Amino acid sequence: MSDSNAFQFGDYVILFDRRERQYMFVLEKDGSFESHIGNIDHRELCGQREGTWFRTKTGHWMVAFRPTKAEYMLNMKRIATVVYPKDIGAVLTYGNLFPGAEILEAGSGSGALTIALSDAVGPEGHVYSYDIRQDMSDMAKTNLHGIAKNPNNVQFFTEDIAQNIYQSELDSAILDMPEPWHTIQKVYECLKPGGLILTFLPTIMQVADLAQTLKTVGEFTLINTIELMERPWEVGGRSVRPSHRMVGHTGFITTARKCQSR
């Protein structure tokens, strides 16, 4: 009987060296991992279980795993900057994602957020992912199929949502785009009553423009904005201190709810 935990050709693998640097790749029959600390033939990994240690041809030890979603998102091929895992967790919670949800995504990008949305809504839900650039949609689709459990629950559109949104009665709209205020009327129309809009924006002036539009276009209430910081800690024996590096500002998350007219 085959070992379901064992690596097979076609699997994504992530290697960690002693300094915990990450190296992600797909196992290929004639492939070879090559780095400044030595090489490992892909055939050596095939058939071995996750967590196995391998020695490069120059004597350095590396441990192999399948990548977590966070590791995959940070190491996958990309065209645009991805939404970081620290923000994705908040998007899923504040964006009211749940199994079976019907979700609009605007700004497919490289697909990091698309992957998380797909897994959150599950096989009974749907994600309608829009981007104005075909290359973005193609990249997001490729990355999605590399790790998502139910990639076919995502449908991609190369379209400007300020002009067209083909769905209606959606539970939430997740917007990762530079000028979402131009799309608010269309987004309002596609949401069901009580539906939620969530935006991810890098600057506070963009948030100010968005908030003003949310107050004047359509009927939105409960407008809130948050920012998240992530600070690792180094814990070793009696030495406990915050890391010198942290994931600081990446963007602002703004949410609002569609309501009825007074």
Protein backbone atom coordinates (compact mmCIF):
# COMPACT_ATOMS: atom_id res chain seq x y z
CA MET A 1 0.00 0.00 0.00
CA SER A 2 1.32 3.45 -0.89
CA ASP A 3 2.14 5.96 1.83
CA SER A 4 -0.16 8.98 1.40
CA ASN A 5 2.33 11.08 3.36
CA ALA A 6 5.21 10.28 1.01
CA PHE A 7 6.39 12.79 -1.58
CA GLN A 8 5.45 12.02 -5.19
CA PHE A 9 6.57 13.55 -8.46
CA GLY A 10 4.40 16.59 -9.15
CA ASP A 11 4.17 17.56 -5.46
CA TYR A 12 5.23 20.93 -4.16
CA VAL A 13 8.09 20.58 -1.66
CA ILE A 14 9.64 23.18 0.61
CA LEU A 15 13.13 22.72 2.04
CA PHE A 16 14.49 24.49 5.12
CA ASP A 17 18.21 24.89 5.80
CA ARG A 18 19.74 25.29 9.26
CA ARG A 19 19.05 29.04 9.15
CA GLU A 20 15.39 28.29 8.28
CA ARG A 21 15.68 29.79 4.81
CA GLN A 22 12.97 28.44 2.51
CA TYR A 23 13.28 26.84 -0.94
CA MET A 24 10.06 25.75 -2.70
CA PHE A 25 9.83 23.75 -5.94
CA VAL A 26 7.88 21.00 -7.71
CA LEU A 27 9.30 17.47 -7.68
CA GLU A 28 10.27 16.35 -11.20
CA LYS A 29 11.65 12.97 -12.31
CA ASP A 30 14.88 14.37 -13.69
CA GLY A 31 14.93 17.46 -11.50
CA SER A 32 17.60 18.68 -9.14
CA PHE A 33 17.44 21.21 -6.32
CA GLU A 34 20.43 23.52 -6.70
CA SER A 35 21.59 26.14 -4.21
CA HIS A 36 24.68 27.78 -2.74
CA ILE A 37 24.76 25.08 -0.02
CA GLY A 38 24.65 22.17 -2.45
CA ASN A 39 22.36 20.08 -4.60
CA ILE A 40 19.77 17.33 -3.96
CA ASP A 41 18.34 15.14 -6.72
CA HIS A 42 14.54 15.14 -6.74
CA ARG A 43 14.59 11.32 -6.91
CA GLU A 44 16.07 11.27 -3.39
CA LEU A 45 12.96 13.01 -2.05
CA CYS A 46 10.36 10.97 -3.97
CA GLY A 47 8.87 8.25 -1.75
CA GLN A 48 10.17 9.82 1.48
CA ARG A 49 7.85 11.18 4.16
CA GLU A 50 7.38 14.78 5.24
CA GLY A 51 9.84 15.88 7.90
CA THR A 52 12.69 13.77 6.47
CA TRP A 53 16.19 15.25 6.61
CA PHE A 54 18.31 15.23 3.46
CA ARG A 55 21.97 15.95 2.97
CA THR A 56 23.15 18.06 0.05
CA LYS A 57 26.10 16.91 -2.03
CA THR A 58 28.28 19.36 -0.08
CA GLY A 59 27.22 18.02 3.32
CA HIS A 60 24.56 20.51 4.45
CA TRP A 61 21.39 19.14 6.09
CA MET A 62 17.92 20.27 4.98
CA VAL A 63 14.45 19.17 6.12
CA ALA A 64 11.60 18.68 3.63
CA PHE A 65 7.88 19.36 4.02
CA ARG A 66 4.88 20.10 1.86
CA PRO A 67 4.37 23.87 2.06
CA THR A 68 1.66 25.28 4.27
CA LYS A 69 -0.65 27.78 2.61
CA ALA A 70 1.28 30.65 4.18
CA GLU A 71 4.61 29.26 2.95
CA TYR A 72 3.18 28.60 -0.50
CA MET A 73 1.77 32.13 -0.81
CA LEU A 74 5.07 33.76 0.12
CA ASN A 75 7.16 31.57 -2.22
CA MET A 76 4.91 31.10 -5.26
CA LYS A 77 5.49 32.90 -8.56
CA ARG A 78 3.98 36.36 -8.56
CA ILE A 79 3.42 39.38 -10.75
CA ALA A 80 2.06 41.72 -8.09
CA THR A 81 2.72 42.02 -4.36
CA VAL A 82 0.64 39.45 -2.49
CA VAL A 83 -1.60 40.06 0.52
CA TYR A 84 0.39 38.77 3.49
CA PRO A 85 -0.84 35.87 5.67
CA LYS A 86 -1.30 38.20 8.66
CA ASP A 87 -3.81 40.22 6.65
CA ILE A 88 -5.46 37.24 4.96
CA GLY A 89 -6.51 35.83 8.34
CA ALA A 90 -8.26 39.11 9.14
CA VAL A 91 -9.85 39.29 5.69
CA LEU A 92 -11.41 35.86 6.14
CA THR A 93 -12.80 36.79 9.56
CA TYR A 94 -13.90 40.39 9.03
CA GLY A 95 -15.03 39.58 5.49
CA ASN A 96 -17.55 37.06 6.89
CA LEU A 97 -16.29 34.12 4.84
CA PHE A 98 -18.05 30.81 5.52
CA PRO A 99 -18.63 27.43 3.80
CA GLY A 100 -21.12 27.88 0.99
CA ALA A 101 -20.66 31.65 0.68
CA GLU A 102 -20.94 33.46 -2.66
CA ILE A 103 -18.04 35.91 -2.89
CA LEU A 104 -16.85 38.61 -5.28
CA GLU A 105 -13.09 39.14 -5.45
CA ALA A 106 -11.78 42.15 -7.37
CA GLY A 107 -8.04 42.14 -7.98
CA SER A 108 -7.03 38.52 -8.61
CA GLY A 109 -3.38 39.56 -8.53
CA SER A 110 -1.06 36.61 -8.05
CA GLY A 111 -3.74 34.58 -6.30
CA ALA A 112 -2.74 34.53 -2.61
CA LEU A 113 -6.08 35.88 -1.45
CA THR A 114 -7.92 33.81 -4.07
CA ILE A 115 -6.47 30.63 -2.55
CA ALA A 116 -7.65 31.58 0.93
CA LEU A 117 -11.12 32.57 -0.29
CA SER A 118 -11.49 29.33 -2.23
CA ASP A 119 -10.65 27.18 0.79
CA ALA A 120 -12.87 29.27 3.08
CA VAL A 121 -16.07 28.92 1.01
CA GLY A 122 -15.46 25.21 0.33
CA PRO A 123 -16.95 23.00 -2.39
CA GLU A 124 -20.47 24.39 -1.93
CA GLY A 125 -19.42 28.03 -2.23
CA HIS A 126 -18.20 30.14 -5.13
CA VAL A 127 -15.61 32.85 -5.66
CA TYR A 128 -16.01 35.15 -8.67
CA SER A 129 -12.56 36.64 -9.20
CA TYR A 130 -12.21 39.72 -11.42
CA ASP A 131 -9.08 41.44 -12.73
CA ILE A 132 -8.59 43.89 -15.57
CA ARG A 133 -5.37 42.13 -16.64
CA GLN A 134 -5.39 38.72 -18.32
CA ASP A 135 -1.86 37.91 -17.13
CA MET A 136 -2.96 38.47 -13.53
CA SER A 137 -5.95 36.15 -13.94
CA ASP A 138 -3.74 33.50 -15.53
CA MET A 139 -1.14 33.72 -12.76
CA ALA A 140 -3.79 33.59 -10.03
CA LYS A 141 -5.40 30.54 -11.64
CA THR A 142 -2.07 28.72 -11.93
CA ASN A 143 -1.16 29.40 -8.31
CA LEU A 144 -4.66 28.48 -7.13
CA HIS A 145 -4.49 25.06 -8.78
CA GLY A 146 -1.12 24.43 -7.14
CA ILE A 147 -2.51 24.15 -3.60
CA ALA A 148 -6.25 24.84 -3.22
CA LYS A 149 -8.46 21.93 -2.16
CA ASN A 150 -11.37 22.93 -4.42
CA PRO A 151 -9.92 25.16 -7.16
CA ASN A 152 -12.94 24.69 -9.41
CA ASN A 153 -15.09 26.77 -7.06
CA VAL A 154 -13.35 29.87 -8.45
CA GLN A 155 -14.42 31.46 -11.73
CA PHE A 156 -12.14 34.09 -13.29
CA PHE A 157 -13.22 37.15 -15.27
CA THR A 158 -11.05 39.66 -17.14
CA GLU A 159 -13.31 42.63 -16.57
CA ASP A 160 -13.50 46.04 -14.89
CA ILE A 161 -16.05 45.73 -12.08
CA ALA A 162 -16.77 49.45 -12.36
CA GLN A 163 -18.45 48.50 -15.65
CA ASN A 164 -19.77 44.97 -15.14
CA ILE A 165 -20.39 42.48 -12.35
CA TYR A 166 -22.27 39.46 -13.64
CA GLN A 167 -23.42 38.07 -10.28
CA SER A 168 -25.99 39.27 -7.74
CA GLU A 169 -27.13 38.49 -4.19
CA LEU A 170 -23.54 37.94 -3.09
CA ASP A 171 -22.59 37.54 0.57
CA SER A 172 -19.38 39.61 0.46
CA ALA A 173 -17.21 41.61 -1.90
CA ILE A 174 -13.45 41.55 -1.27
CA LEU A 175 -11.61 44.33 -3.13
CA ASP A 176 -7.81 44.47 -3.47
CA MET A 177 -7.48 47.24 -6.02
CA PRO A 178 -6.03 50.79 -6.06
CA GLU A 179 -9.22 52.84 -6.58
CA PRO A 180 -12.19 50.86 -5.25
CA TRP A 181 -14.31 54.01 -4.81
CA HIS A 182 -15.01 53.97 -8.56
CA THR A 183 -16.71 50.57 -8.17
CA ILE A 184 -18.94 51.17 -5.13
CA GLN A 185 -22.23 51.56 -7.01
CA LYS A 186 -21.75 48.29 -8.90
CA VAL A 187 -20.60 46.50 -5.75
CA TYR A 188 -23.63 47.81 -3.85
CA GLU A 189 -25.93 46.42 -6.54
CA CYS A 190 -24.33 42.95 -6.51
CA LEU A 191 -24.52 42.45 -2.72
CA LYS A 192 -27.52 40.98 -0.97
CA PRO A 193 -29.12 43.04 1.85
CA GLY A 194 -26.75 42.84 4.81
CA GLY A 195 -23.88 41.92 2.50
CA LEU A 196 -20.39 43.08 3.36
CA ILE A 197 -17.74 44.98 1.43
CA LEU A 198 -14.09 44.68 2.47
CA THR A 199 -11.20 46.56 0.90
CA PHE A 200 -7.43 46.26 1.28
CA LEU A 201 -5.57 49.51 0.60
CA PRO A 202 -1.93 50.51 1.20
CA THR A 203 -2.36 54.20 2.10
CA ILE A 204 -4.63 56.06 4.51
CA MET A 205 -5.52 58.69 1.90
CA GLN A 206 -6.99 55.95 -0.27
CA VAL A 207 -9.00 54.83 2.76
CA ALA A 208 -10.27 58.39 3.25
CA ASP A 209 -11.46 58.58 -0.37
CA LEU A 210 -13.13 55.20 -0.01
CA ALA A 211 -14.88 56.08 3.25
CA GLN A 212 -16.27 59.28 1.76
CA THR A 213 -17.67 57.34 -1.20
CA LEU A 214 -19.19 54.66 1.05
CA LYS A 215 -21.08 57.43 2.87
CA THR A 216 -22.53 58.94 -0.30
CA VAL A 217 -23.00 56.10 -2.82
CA GLY A 218 -25.56 53.40 -2.15
CA GLU A 219 -26.52 52.59 1.43
CA PHE A 220 -23.62 51.42 3.59
CA THR A 221 -23.21 51.54 7.36
CA LEU A 222 -20.80 50.30 10.05
CA ILE A 223 -17.73 51.60 8.21
CA ASN A 224 -14.57 50.49 10.05
CA THR A 225 -10.84 50.46 9.28
CA ILE A 226 -8.09 48.44 10.96
CA GLU A 227 -4.35 47.89 10.50
CA LEU A 228 -2.41 44.83 11.65
CA MET A 229 1.20 44.41 12.75
CA GLU A 230 3.00 41.09 13.23
CA ARG A 231 6.00 40.82 15.55
CA PRO A 232 7.81 37.47 15.92
CA TRP A 233 9.48 36.57 19.23
CA GLU A 234 12.73 34.71 19.72
CA VAL A 235 12.35 32.22 22.56
CA GLY A 236 15.43 30.16 23.46
CA GLY A 237 16.21 28.97 26.96
CA ARG A 238 16.43 31.97 29.29
CA SER A 239 16.65 34.40 26.39
CA VAL A 240 13.24 35.74 25.40
CA ARG A 241 12.97 38.87 23.29
CA PRO A 242 11.11 40.28 20.32
CA SER A 243 12.71 39.74 16.93
CA HIS A 244 14.63 42.61 15.38
CA ARG A 245 12.42 42.21 12.32
CA MET A 246 8.66 42.49 12.16
CA VAL A 247 5.98 42.62 9.47
CA GLY A 248 4.83 46.19 9.96
CA HIS A 249 2.51 48.20 7.77
CA THR A 250 1.22 46.34 4.73
CA GLY A 251 -2.23 47.83 4.29
CA PHE A 252 -5.53 48.95 5.78
CA ILE A 253 -8.60 46.72 5.92
CA THR A 254 -11.90 48.60 5.66
CA THR A 255 -15.33 47.00 6.02
CA ALA A 256 -18.91 48.21 5.60
CA ARG A 257 -22.38 46.62 5.50
CA LYS A 258 -25.11 47.11 2.94
CA CYS A 259 -28.29 48.36 4.61
CA GLN A 260 -31.78 49.47 3.59
CA SER A 261 -32.73 53.11 3.10
CA ARG A 262 -34.18 54.85 6.14
